[in-house]
Amino acid sequence: MNEFFNYLRDFMVQFWANVGQFFYNWIVYKWTFVPGYNAEYSDILNSYNISWGTGGWVSFWIFVVFAAALILGLLWLIFIFLRKYIRFNRRELDKEKMAEEIEQLNNELYQAVTEKNKILNLKVGSLGLRPAGAKVDMNEGEEAAEDTLKEVSSRFSRLIQVDRKYKNVDTAIPDVPNFTLEELCNKFRNFAASSLGLYYSIDNIRRLFSGMGTSKFLILEGISGTGKTSLPYALGKFFVNDATICSVQPSWRDRTELIGYFNEFTKKFNETEFLRAIYESSFRQDCNIIVLDEMNLARVEYYFAEFLSVMEMPNVNEWKVQLLSAPDASDPVHIIDGKYLLGQNSFFFGTANNDDSTFTISDKVYDRAMSIVFNDRAHAFDCEYQDSLLVPYSQMAELYRQAIVNNPISKTTLEKFAALDTFALKNFKLVFGNRIMKQLNMFIPIYVACGGTEFEGLDFFFTTKILRKFSSLNIGFLKDELKGLIVEINKLFGKNNFTMTKDTVEDLIKMN
């Protein structure tokens, strides 16, 4: 054992000696040549200074002083040059910073001058005078002055512009005579195909309008390129009220990303396009389509939670979104006590892709929405040209109400669905909540009014509302129960019905 430690000692001594020799050769060894050079200079000096007299030594020292002064002078010049260079760069940086500040001040000055001119025009108008160059009568001038004053002083500059846009504008739309939901589905499908080159199956169109009659929030999901975003876009074109498309960002964490926030420094509300869209809908009589594109890039329940909760309230007069804590006289006309009442003619569409870059949409969101899955693109078909159509929301709401009254779910179908509910509870411990039953009693009658059948609507509803919850179960241990579910469906609804549900169950079995 001692021999090993002796080996380790000698090895470490030799190793660090080699490391030291390396740095010695690299740094110190080169300087050993300098004394050699000095010796050569010394030999030259010694060979001549023997015969020097006093004058020679005086001249020698004068030369030494001159050489030293020359070297010091060069070093001083280098120092001065470096200092000036550094000061010059610093001065240039200061100039750039000052130029940016001047530009910012000029922008602020321009804004201040603009507001000052508006206020001066208001004062001129209040005196009964006419601003220079103005060619309006006194009534219009006073009205314009009042609007300008409100825009300058309001916390909502964009929403005030919406107020001015619709002031004294009649937005009433007459009902379409002899109009039905089935006709609405066919006309929109033909419009998308003939005018926009977008093709959708009639089943998805029926699901679309039935979903709009059931919930204000629809989720369009599926593989890329199947027309998810194009569908609400086409719907806006069809209703002659272009859809507002808001691109969701991964950084969205709360509602301020969606509707904006009040800036305490500027005393202005930072308004978003989403807020402008929902506010403008309060002036219109038609349907207002708002799209949250790629909605699951961020967690939906974070930034959209307030709207999900508000739209659950049974009394539509309570669908209020709090914007500010205190009212102000200059606020837009439809913001009362700092709150905005969400219009019933607003429909929210969320598009979603299911991949590694997105979040999973929670059951809380799915339960409050109607979901349409796009698995493939519909094939092109020939149809007659269909123009856009002005349909008031009130007429659509009345068509939905009549459909629910005139097409209640048959007692036999409800009994079969109750049996399916019992089977799901017994084998999968899944229960249909009151919300789902309420949606069921709205969706199926509207789907029938759109030209579908009860079993087709129930098949879609069961797949999107119930089977979706199976993703939280351990399917690997429930294969027998899933096969039993198919048997139960065949027994209740027949082998030729509920094809969507049975296809989904078979896919679950294969994947696990």
Protein backbone atom coordinates (compact mmCIF):
# COMPACT_ATOMS: atom_id res chain seq x y z
CA MET A 1 0.00 0.00 0.00
CA ASN A 2 2.87 2.36 0.80
CA GLU A 3 4.39 1.70 -2.61
CA PHE A 4 1.14 2.90 -4.24
CA PHE A 5 1.17 6.17 -2.33
CA ASN A 6 4.85 6.64 -3.23
CA TYR A 7 3.86 6.12 -6.89
CA LEU A 8 0.96 8.58 -6.56
CA ARG A 9 3.28 11.17 -4.94
CA ASP A 10 5.94 10.90 -7.67
CA PHE A 11 3.30 10.97 -10.38
CA MET A 12 1.66 14.16 -9.03
CA VAL A 13 5.05 15.87 -8.52
CA GLN A 14 6.09 15.08 -12.09
CA PHE A 15 2.67 16.10 -13.49
CA TRP A 16 2.60 19.52 -11.86
CA ALA A 17 6.28 20.02 -12.72
CA ASN A 18 5.39 19.48 -16.38
CA VAL A 19 2.46 21.91 -16.11
CA GLY A 20 4.77 24.49 -14.54
CA GLN A 21 7.40 23.93 -17.25
CA PHE A 22 4.72 24.51 -19.91
CA PHE A 23 3.73 27.93 -18.52
CA TYR A 24 7.41 28.76 -17.90
CA ASN A 25 8.29 28.07 -21.53
CA TRP A 26 5.22 29.93 -22.75
CA ILE A 27 5.60 33.09 -20.67
CA VAL A 28 8.84 33.34 -18.66
CA TYR A 29 11.36 31.65 -21.00
CA LYS A 30 10.84 34.19 -23.78
CA TRP A 31 11.88 37.01 -21.46
CA THR A 32 15.23 35.31 -20.73
CA PHE A 33 16.41 36.49 -24.14
CA VAL A 34 15.94 40.15 -23.21
CA PRO A 35 19.03 40.31 -20.89
CA GLY A 36 21.04 38.77 -23.75
CA TYR A 37 20.05 41.63 -25.98
CA ASN A 38 20.94 44.05 -23.20
CA ALA A 39 24.39 42.42 -23.01
CA GLU A 40 25.01 43.16 -26.68
CA TYR A 41 24.06 46.80 -26.15
CA SER A 42 26.34 46.83 -23.09
CA ASP A 43 29.26 45.43 -25.15
CA ILE A 44 28.85 48.16 -27.75
CA LEU A 45 28.74 50.79 -25.02
CA ASN A 46 31.85 49.42 -23.27
CA SER A 47 33.83 49.30 -26.53
CA TYR A 48 33.40 53.07 -27.05
CA ASN A 49 32.98 54.72 -23.64
CA ILE A 50 36.67 54.12 -22.71
CA SER A 51 37.76 57.00 -24.92
CA TRP A 52 34.80 59.27 -24.04
CA GLY A 53 35.58 62.44 -22.29
CA THR A 54 33.25 64.59 -20.28
CA GLY A 55 31.53 65.85 -23.42
CA GLY A 56 30.87 62.31 -24.56
CA TRP A 57 29.19 61.29 -21.34
CA VAL A 58 27.11 64.49 -21.36
CA SER A 59 26.01 63.72 -24.92
CA PHE A 60 25.24 60.12 -23.92
CA TRP A 61 22.92 61.12 -21.11
CA ILE A 62 21.27 63.74 -23.32
CA PHE A 63 20.61 60.93 -25.84
CA VAL A 64 19.19 58.68 -23.08
CA VAL A 65 16.88 61.44 -21.88
CA PHE A 66 15.78 62.20 -25.45
CA ALA A 67 15.09 58.52 -26.20
CA ALA A 68 13.13 58.12 -22.97
CA ALA A 69 11.15 61.30 -23.74
CA LEU A 70 10.43 59.98 -27.24
CA ILE A 71 9.13 56.66 -25.90
CA LEU A 72 7.04 58.38 -23.21
CA GLY A 73 5.70 60.80 -25.81
CA LEU A 74 4.60 57.97 -28.06
CA LEU A 75 2.91 56.26 -25.12
CA TRP A 76 1.19 59.55 -24.22
CA LEU A 77 -0.04 60.03 -27.81
CA ILE A 78 -1.45 56.50 -27.80
CA PHE A 79 -3.20 57.23 -24.50
CA ILE A 80 -4.66 60.50 -25.84
CA PHE A 81 -5.84 58.76 -29.01
CA LEU A 82 -7.56 55.97 -27.08
CA ARG A 83 -9.24 58.46 -24.73
CA LYS A 84 -10.55 60.55 -27.61
CA TYR A 85 -11.76 57.44 -29.39
CA ILE A 86 -13.67 56.28 -26.33
CA ARG A 87 -15.15 59.76 -25.80
CA PHE A 88 -16.15 59.96 -29.46
CA ASN A 89 -17.97 56.61 -29.31
CA ARG A 90 -19.67 57.59 -26.09
CA ARG A 91 -20.71 60.90 -27.64
CA GLU A 92 -22.15 59.11 -30.69
CA LEU A 93 -24.11 56.78 -28.44
CA ASP A 94 -25.42 59.77 -26.51
CA LYS A 95 -26.42 61.40 -29.82
CA GLU A 96 -28.36 58.29 -30.87
CA LYS A 97 -30.11 58.12 -27.52
CA MET A 98 -30.89 61.83 -27.69
CA ALA A 99 -32.24 61.43 -31.23
CA GLU A 100 -34.59 58.68 -30.02
CA GLU A 101 -35.77 60.87 -27.14
CA ILE A 102 -36.30 63.80 -29.52
CA GLU A 103 -38.33 61.59 -31.85
CA GLN A 104 -40.46 60.41 -28.95
CA LEU A 105 -40.96 64.00 -27.74
CA ASN A 106 -41.94 65.05 -31.27
CA ASN A 107 -44.56 62.30 -31.37
CA GLU A 108 -45.91 63.37 -28.00
CA LEU A 109 -45.87 67.01 -29.13
CA TYR A 110 -47.78 66.09 -32.28
CA GLN A 111 -50.42 64.30 -30.21
CA ALA A 112 -50.65 67.26 -27.85
CA VAL A 113 -51.00 69.75 -30.71
CA THR A 114 -53.67 67.58 -32.34
CA GLU A 115 -55.69 67.47 -29.12
CA LYS A 116 -55.13 71.21 -28.61
CA ASN A 117 -56.52 71.94 -32.07
CA LYS A 118 -59.54 69.78 -31.36
CA ILE A 119 -60.16 71.62 -28.10
CA LEU A 120 -59.73 75.02 -29.81
CA ASN A 121 -62.30 73.99 -32.42
CA LEU A 122 -64.62 73.05 -29.58
CA LYS A 123 -64.18 76.47 -28.01
CA VAL A 124 -64.83 78.16 -31.36
CA GLY A 125 -67.94 76.09 -31.79
CA SER A 126 -69.15 76.93 -28.28
CA LEU A 127 -68.88 80.63 -29.14
CA GLY A 128 -71.15 80.15 -32.14
CA LEU A 129 -68.29 80.75 -34.58
CA ARG A 130 -67.10 78.56 -37.41
CA PRO A 131 -63.54 77.19 -37.54
CA ALA A 132 -61.44 78.37 -40.48
CA GLY A 133 -62.16 76.37 -43.61
CA ALA A 134 -65.20 74.67 -42.12
CA LYS A 135 -68.17 74.29 -44.48
CA VAL A 136 -70.81 72.82 -42.19
CA ASP A 137 -73.90 74.38 -40.71
CA MET A 138 -74.06 75.27 -37.05
CA ASN A 139 -76.04 72.19 -35.96
CA GLU A 140 -73.59 69.80 -37.59
CA GLY A 141 -70.69 71.81 -36.21
CA GLU A 142 -72.00 71.66 -32.66
CA GLU A 143 -72.67 67.93 -32.99
CA ALA A 144 -69.17 67.30 -34.39
CA ALA A 145 -67.67 69.39 -31.60
CA GLU A 146 -69.50 67.38 -28.97
CA ASP A 147 -68.34 64.09 -30.54
CA THR A 148 -64.75 65.33 -30.75
CA LEU A 149 -64.77 66.40 -27.12
CA LYS A 150 -66.09 63.01 -26.05
CA GLU A 151 -63.46 61.18 -28.13
CA VAL A 152 -60.62 63.26 -26.65
CA SER A 153 -61.77 62.85 -23.07
CA SER A 154 -63.01 59.24 -23.20
CA ARG A 155 -61.07 56.28 -21.85
CA PHE A 156 -62.19 54.21 -24.87
CA SER A 157 -61.02 55.91 -28.06
CA ARG A 158 -61.80 52.97 -30.41
CA LEU A 159 -65.22 52.28 -28.92
CA ILE A 160 -66.13 55.96 -29.14
CA GLN A 161 -65.34 55.76 -32.85
CA VAL A 162 -67.81 52.86 -33.07
CA ASP A 163 -70.41 55.09 -31.37
CA ARG A 164 -69.79 57.79 -33.99
CA LYS A 165 -69.92 55.23 -36.83
CA TYR A 166 -73.42 54.03 -35.90
CA LYS A 167 -74.82 57.32 -34.62
CA ASN A 168 -78.13 58.05 -36.34
CA VAL A 169 -77.68 54.93 -38.52
CA ASP A 170 -80.64 52.61 -38.98
CA THR A 171 -79.32 49.02 -38.78
CA ALA A 172 -82.71 47.32 -38.91
CA ILE A 173 -82.93 44.28 -41.21
CA PRO A 174 -86.28 42.98 -42.47
CA ASP A 175 -87.11 39.32 -41.99
CA VAL A 176 -86.59 36.95 -44.88
CA PRO A 177 -90.06 35.79 -45.99
CA ASN A 178 -90.98 32.10 -45.84
CA PHE A 179 -87.60 31.17 -44.40
CA THR A 180 -86.72 27.92 -42.59
CA LEU A 181 -83.64 26.51 -40.89
CA GLU A 182 -83.36 23.78 -43.53
CA GLU A 183 -83.37 26.46 -46.23
CA LEU A 184 -80.74 28.41 -44.28
CA CYS A 185 -78.44 25.34 -44.22
CA ASN A 186 -78.84 24.71 -47.94
CA LYS A 187 -78.34 28.35 -48.93
CA PHE A 188 -75.20 28.74 -46.85
CA ARG A 189 -73.72 25.48 -48.16
CA ASN A 190 -74.37 26.59 -51.74
CA PHE A 191 -72.98 30.07 -51.03
CA ALA A 192 -69.72 28.68 -49.63
CA ALA A 193 -69.33 26.40 -52.65
CA SER A 194 -70.39 28.78 -55.44
CA SER A 195 -68.98 32.06 -54.14
CA LEU A 196 -65.93 31.01 -52.12
CA GLY A 197 -64.98 27.58 -53.44
CA LEU A 198 -65.37 26.06 -49.97
CA TYR A 199 -67.10 22.69 -49.76
CA TYR A 200 -68.74 21.28 -46.64
CA SER A 201 -70.95 18.27 -46.08
CA ILE A 202 -74.58 18.97 -45.34
CA ASP A 203 -74.20 17.12 -42.03
CA ASN A 204 -71.53 19.58 -40.80
CA ILE A 205 -73.65 22.55 -41.91
CA ARG A 206 -76.61 21.19 -39.93
CA ARG A 207 -74.34 20.68 -36.93
CA LEU A 208 -73.08 24.23 -37.33
CA PHE A 209 -76.47 25.95 -37.19
CA SER A 210 -77.80 23.52 -34.58
CA GLY A 211 -74.75 24.25 -32.44
CA MET A 212 -75.32 28.02 -32.82
CA GLY A 213 -78.86 27.52 -31.56
CA THR A 214 -77.59 25.54 -28.58
CA SER A 215 -74.53 27.50 -27.46
CA LYS A 216 -72.86 30.83 -28.22
CA PHE A 217 -69.48 29.09 -28.24
CA LEU A 218 -68.51 26.54 -30.91
CA ILE A 219 -65.23 24.63 -31.14
CA LEU A 220 -64.04 23.59 -34.59
CA GLU A 221 -61.28 21.02 -34.38
CA GLY A 222 -59.55 18.45 -36.51
CA ILE A 223 -56.63 18.02 -38.84
CA SER A 224 -55.10 21.01 -40.60
CA GLY A 225 -56.49 22.05 -43.96
CA THR A 226 -60.06 20.82 -43.49
CA GLY A 227 -61.61 24.29 -43.47
CA LYS A 228 -61.99 25.03 -39.75
CA THR A 229 -61.15 28.73 -39.95
CA SER A 230 -62.75 29.06 -43.38
CA LEU A 231 -66.15 28.00 -42.05
CA PRO A 232 -66.81 31.02 -39.76
CA TYR A 233 -65.10 33.23 -42.36
CA ALA A 234 -67.61 32.05 -44.97
CA LEU A 235 -70.44 32.47 -42.47
CA GLY A 236 -69.49 36.13 -41.98
CA LYS A 237 -69.45 36.67 -45.75
CA PHE A 238 -72.83 34.95 -46.05
CA PHE A 239 -74.42 37.22 -43.41
CA VAL A 240 -72.74 40.33 -44.96
CA ASN A 241 -70.95 41.00 -41.67
CA ASP A 242 -67.32 39.90 -41.93
CA ALA A 243 -66.07 37.66 -39.15
CA THR A 244 -63.47 39.10 -36.77
CA ILE A 245 -60.52 36.72 -36.57
CA CYS A 246 -58.38 37.06 -33.42
CA SER A 247 -55.16 35.03 -33.38
CA VAL A 248 -54.54 33.53 -29.95
CA GLN A 249 -50.93 33.79 -28.73
CA PRO A 250 -49.13 31.21 -26.54
CA SER A 251 -48.39 33.93 -23.97
CA TRP A 252 -52.06 34.58 -23.15
CA ARG A 253 -52.64 33.99 -19.43
CA ASP A 254 -55.70 36.05 -18.49
CA ARG A 255 -58.60 38.04 -19.90
CA THR A 256 -56.55 41.24 -20.36
CA GLU A 257 -54.93 39.59 -23.39
CA LEU A 258 -58.40 39.20 -24.89
CA ILE A 259 -60.24 42.43 -24.07
CA GLY A 260 -57.43 44.78 -22.98
CA TYR A 261 -56.76 46.67 -19.75
CA PHE A 262 -56.90 50.14 -18.19
CA ASN A 263 -53.54 51.96 -18.24
CA GLU A 264 -53.19 53.89 -14.99
CA PHE A 265 -50.46 56.11 -16.46
CA THR A 266 -52.27 57.29 -19.60
CA LYS A 267 -55.74 56.93 -18.04
CA LYS A 268 -56.82 55.17 -21.23
CA PHE A 269 -58.18 51.68 -21.82
CA ASN A 270 -55.96 49.62 -24.15
CA GLU A 271 -58.68 48.21 -26.39
CA THR A 272 -58.27 45.04 -28.44
CA GLU A 273 -59.88 44.04 -31.72
CA PHE A 274 -61.89 41.43 -29.80
CA LEU A 275 -63.37 44.12 -27.53
CA ARG A 276 -64.19 46.32 -30.52
CA ALA A 277 -65.95 43.40 -32.23
CA ILE A 278 -68.19 42.45 -29.31
CA TYR A 279 -68.98 46.11 -28.68
CA GLU A 280 -69.92 46.80 -32.30
CA SER A 281 -72.33 43.87 -32.23
CA SER A 282 -74.54 45.83 -29.81
CA PHE A 283 -75.35 48.28 -32.64
CA ARG A 284 -76.13 45.63 -35.26
CA GLN A 285 -79.20 43.48 -35.80
CA ASP A 286 -77.47 40.64 -37.65
CA CYS A 287 -75.18 37.84 -36.44
CA ASN A 288 -71.70 38.80 -35.30
CA ILE A 289 -69.02 36.11 -35.80
CA ILE A 290 -65.84 36.25 -33.71
CA VAL A 291 -63.10 33.66 -34.26
CA LEU A 292 -60.42 32.68 -31.72
CA ASP A 293 -57.95 31.18 -34.16
CA GLU A 294 -55.68 28.43 -32.76
CA MET A 295 -57.46 28.89 -29.45
CA ASN A 296 -55.60 26.10 -27.63
CA LEU A 297 -52.13 27.60 -28.19
CA ALA A 298 -52.85 28.93 -24.68
CA ARG A 299 -55.12 27.49 -22.00
CA VAL A 300 -58.67 28.44 -22.95
CA GLU A 301 -59.92 28.38 -19.36
CA TYR A 302 -57.35 31.05 -18.46
CA TYR A 303 -58.19 33.86 -20.88
CA PHE A 304 -61.80 32.92 -21.78
CA ALA A 305 -63.02 31.80 -18.35
CA GLU A 306 -65.07 34.92 -17.64
CA PHE A 307 -67.00 34.62 -20.90
CA LEU A 308 -67.65 30.92 -20.27
CA SER A 309 -69.11 31.78 -16.87
CA VAL A 310 -71.12 34.77 -18.07
CA MET A 311 -72.77 32.82 -20.90
CA GLU A 312 -73.90 30.16 -18.41
CA MET A 313 -76.20 32.58 -16.59
CA PRO A 314 -79.88 31.81 -17.30
CA ASN A 315 -80.84 35.49 -17.37
CA VAL A 316 -79.31 37.06 -20.51
CA ASN A 317 -79.60 40.50 -18.88
CA GLU A 318 -76.83 39.38 -16.54
CA TRP A 319 -74.35 38.63 -19.32
CA LYS A 320 -72.21 41.57 -18.27
CA VAL A 321 -68.44 41.84 -18.60
CA GLN A 322 -66.71 44.11 -16.07
CA LEU A 323 -64.31 46.48 -17.81
CA LEU A 324 -63.75 49.20 -15.21
CA SER A 325 -64.55 49.57 -11.55
CA ALA A 326 -66.12 53.03 -11.82
CA PRO A 327 -68.23 54.73 -14.52
CA ASP A 328 -67.32 57.92 -16.35
CA ALA A 329 -69.52 60.36 -18.22
CA SER A 330 -67.33 60.10 -21.33
CA ASP A 331 -67.59 56.30 -21.60
CA PRO A 332 -69.19 54.76 -24.73
CA VAL A 333 -72.97 54.63 -24.75
CA HIS A 334 -73.22 50.85 -24.23
CA ILE A 335 -70.78 50.71 -21.32
CA ILE A 336 -72.85 51.35 -18.22
CA ASP A 337 -71.31 51.49 -14.74
CA GLY A 338 -68.06 50.18 -16.21
CA LYS A 339 -69.79 47.04 -17.55
CA TYR A 340 -70.69 45.86 -21.04
CA LEU A 341 -73.77 43.70 -21.68
CA LEU A 342 -72.78 40.95 -24.10
CA GLY A 343 -75.01 40.96 -27.16
CA GLN A 344 -77.08 37.88 -27.92
CA ASN A 345 -76.17 38.18 -31.59
CA SER A 346 -72.48 37.43 -30.91
CA PHE A 347 -71.21 33.91 -31.65
CA PHE A 348 -67.72 32.78 -30.67
CA PHE A 349 -65.89 30.20 -32.76
CA GLY A 350 -62.66 28.61 -31.57
CA THR A 351 -60.45 26.66 -33.96
CA ALA A 352 -58.18 24.01 -32.47
CA ASN A 353 -55.44 21.68 -33.67
CA ASN A 354 -54.47 18.74 -31.51
CA ASP A 355 -50.67 18.41 -31.66
CA ASP A 356 -47.58 18.80 -29.48
CA SER A 357 -47.64 22.61 -29.74
CA THR A 358 -51.10 22.99 -28.20
CA PHE A 359 -52.81 22.46 -24.86
CA THR A 360 -55.55 19.91 -24.25
CA ILE A 361 -58.97 21.54 -24.03
CA SER A 362 -60.49 20.73 -20.65
CA ASP A 363 -63.89 19.14 -20.05
CA LYS A 364 -65.02 22.41 -18.46
CA VAL A 365 -64.67 24.12 -21.84
CA TYR A 366 -66.12 21.25 -23.87
CA ASP A 367 -69.19 21.01 -21.63
CA ARG A 368 -70.05 24.66 -22.24
CA ALA A 369 -69.48 24.57 -26.00
CA MET A 370 -70.63 22.64 -29.04
CA SER A 371 -67.81 20.89 -30.86
CA ILE A 372 -67.58 19.97 -34.54
CA VAL A 373 -64.76 17.66 -35.63
CA PHE A 374 -63.36 17.91 -39.16
CA ASN A 375 -61.66 14.64 -40.06
CA ASP A 376 -61.53 15.17 -43.82
CA ARG A 377 -62.33 17.75 -46.47
CA ALA A 378 -65.70 17.44 -48.20
CA HIS A 379 -65.70 16.68 -51.91
CA ALA A 380 -66.60 19.32 -54.47
CA PHE A 381 -70.13 19.31 -55.80
CA ASP A 382 -72.17 21.22 -58.36
CA CYS A 383 -74.74 23.72 -57.16
CA GLU A 384 -76.59 26.84 -58.25
CA TYR A 385 -75.03 30.22 -57.49
CA GLN A 386 -76.13 31.57 -54.15
CA ASP A 387 -75.65 35.19 -53.12
CA SER A 388 -75.13 36.45 -49.57
CA LEU A 389 -78.20 36.85 -47.37
CA LEU A 390 -79.18 39.45 -44.82
CA VAL A 391 -80.82 37.56 -41.97
CA PRO A 392 -81.62 39.39 -38.72
CA TYR A 393 -80.60 37.61 -35.55
CA SER A 394 -84.10 38.03 -34.17
CA GLN A 395 -85.47 35.89 -37.00
CA MET A 396 -82.87 33.18 -36.39
CA ALA A 397 -83.64 33.23 -32.66
CA GLU A 398 -87.34 32.84 -33.45
CA LEU A 399 -86.62 29.94 -35.83
CA TYR A 400 -84.62 28.24 -33.07
CA ARG A 401 -87.43 28.81 -30.56
CA GLN A 402 -90.04 27.39 -32.93
CA ALA A 403 -87.85 24.37 -33.69
CA ILE A 404 -87.54 23.53 -29.99
CA VAL A 405 -91.28 23.87 -29.53
CA ASN A 406 -92.32 22.05 -32.69
CA ASN A 407 -89.77 19.21 -32.69
CA PRO A 408 -89.41 17.94 -29.13
CA ILE A 409 -87.46 14.73 -28.73
CA SER A 410 -89.79 11.78 -28.89
CA LYS A 411 -90.52 9.85 -25.73
CA THR A 412 -89.12 6.65 -27.27
CA THR A 413 -85.82 8.32 -28.13
CA LEU A 414 -85.51 9.77 -24.63
CA GLU A 415 -86.14 6.34 -23.11
CA LYS A 416 -83.43 4.81 -25.30
CA PHE A 417 -81.04 7.58 -24.42
CA ALA A 418 -81.82 7.06 -20.71
CA ALA A 419 -80.98 3.35 -21.15
CA LEU A 420 -77.68 4.37 -22.76
CA ASP A 421 -77.09 6.70 -19.82
CA THR A 422 -77.64 3.81 -17.40
CA PHE A 423 -75.20 1.61 -19.34
CA ALA A 424 -72.51 4.33 -19.31
CA LEU A 425 -72.98 4.88 -15.57
CA LYS A 426 -72.76 1.18 -14.78
CA ASN A 427 -69.77 0.32 -16.96
CA PHE A 428 -67.78 3.59 -17.23
CA LYS A 429 -68.96 5.57 -14.19
CA LEU A 430 -69.89 8.50 -16.46
CA VAL A 431 -73.02 10.53 -15.77
CA PHE A 432 -74.80 13.00 -18.08
CA GLY A 433 -75.08 16.27 -16.16
CA ASN A 434 -77.98 18.72 -16.22
CA ARG A 435 -76.10 21.00 -18.61
CA ILE A 436 -75.73 18.21 -21.16
CA MET A 437 -79.40 17.24 -20.90
CA LYS A 438 -80.39 20.89 -21.40
CA GLN A 439 -78.22 21.11 -24.49
CA LEU A 440 -79.62 17.81 -25.75
CA ASN A 441 -83.20 19.10 -25.57
CA MET A 442 -82.17 22.13 -27.62
CA PHE A 443 -79.78 20.59 -30.14
CA ILE A 444 -81.87 17.62 -31.34
CA PRO A 445 -85.06 19.61 -32.18
CA ILE A 446 -83.00 22.25 -34.02
CA TYR A 447 -81.06 19.55 -35.87
CA VAL A 448 -84.35 17.99 -37.02
CA ALA A 449 -85.55 21.43 -38.17
CA CYS A 450 -82.32 21.77 -40.17
CA GLY A 451 -83.22 18.65 -42.14
CA GLY A 452 -81.62 15.89 -40.07
CA THR A 453 -83.09 13.04 -38.03
CA GLU A 454 -83.24 12.45 -34.31
CA PHE A 455 -80.88 9.48 -34.42
CA GLU A 456 -78.32 11.39 -36.54
CA GLY A 457 -78.35 14.32 -34.13
CA LEU A 458 -78.22 12.03 -31.10
CA ASP A 459 -75.33 10.08 -32.65
CA PHE A 460 -73.31 13.31 -33.12
CA PHE A 461 -74.26 14.60 -29.67
CA PHE A 462 -73.29 11.36 -27.90
CA THR A 463 -69.95 11.23 -29.73
CA THR A 464 -68.91 14.82 -29.03
CA LYS A 465 -70.32 15.15 -25.53
CA ILE A 466 -70.01 11.69 -23.96
CA LEU A 467 -67.37 9.67 -25.80
CA ARG A 468 -64.94 12.59 -25.49
CA LYS A 469 -64.83 11.96 -21.75
CA PHE A 470 -63.51 8.46 -22.39
CA SER A 471 -60.06 9.93 -22.98
CA SER A 472 -59.71 10.27 -19.21
CA LEU A 473 -60.39 6.53 -18.71
CA ASN A 474 -57.94 3.66 -18.89
CA ILE A 475 -59.25 2.20 -22.14
CA GLY A 476 -56.79 -0.71 -22.01
CA PHE A 477 -58.83 -2.26 -19.19
CA LEU A 478 -62.23 -1.45 -20.72
CA LYS A 479 -62.11 -3.18 -24.10
CA ASP A 480 -64.84 -5.64 -23.17
CA GLU A 481 -67.05 -2.81 -21.87
CA LEU A 482 -66.51 -0.84 -25.11
CA LYS A 483 -67.51 -3.85 -27.18
CA GLY A 484 -70.55 -4.18 -24.91
CA LEU A 485 -71.35 -0.51 -25.63
CA ILE A 486 -71.53 -1.25 -29.36
CA VAL A 487 -73.83 -4.19 -28.66
CA GLU A 488 -76.04 -1.98 -26.47
CA ILE A 489 -76.23 0.73 -29.18
CA ASN A 490 -77.19 -1.83 -31.82
CA LYS A 491 -79.88 -3.15 -29.53
CA LEU A 492 -81.30 0.31 -28.77
CA PHE A 493 -80.94 2.12 -32.10
CA GLY A 494 -80.31 -0.57 -34.71
CA LYS A 495 -77.22 -1.69 -36.57
CA ASN A 496 -77.55 0.97 -39.29
CA ASN A 497 -77.69 3.92 -36.88
CA PHE A 498 -75.16 5.62 -34.61
CA THR A 499 -72.35 5.05 -37.13
CA MET A 500 -70.27 7.96 -35.79
CA THR A 501 -70.42 6.62 -32.25
CA LYS A 502 -69.57 3.06 -33.26
CA ASP A 503 -66.67 4.19 -35.46
CA THR A 504 -65.26 6.24 -32.57
CA VAL A 505 -65.57 3.31 -30.13
CA GLU A 506 -63.84 0.96 -32.58
CA ASP A 507 -61.02 3.49 -33.00
CA LEU A 508 -60.61 3.61 -29.22
CA ILE A 509 -60.36 -0.17 -29.07
CA LYS A 510 -57.77 -0.29 -31.88
CA MET A 511 -55.59 2.45 -30.38
CA ASN A 512 -55.39 0.62 -27.08
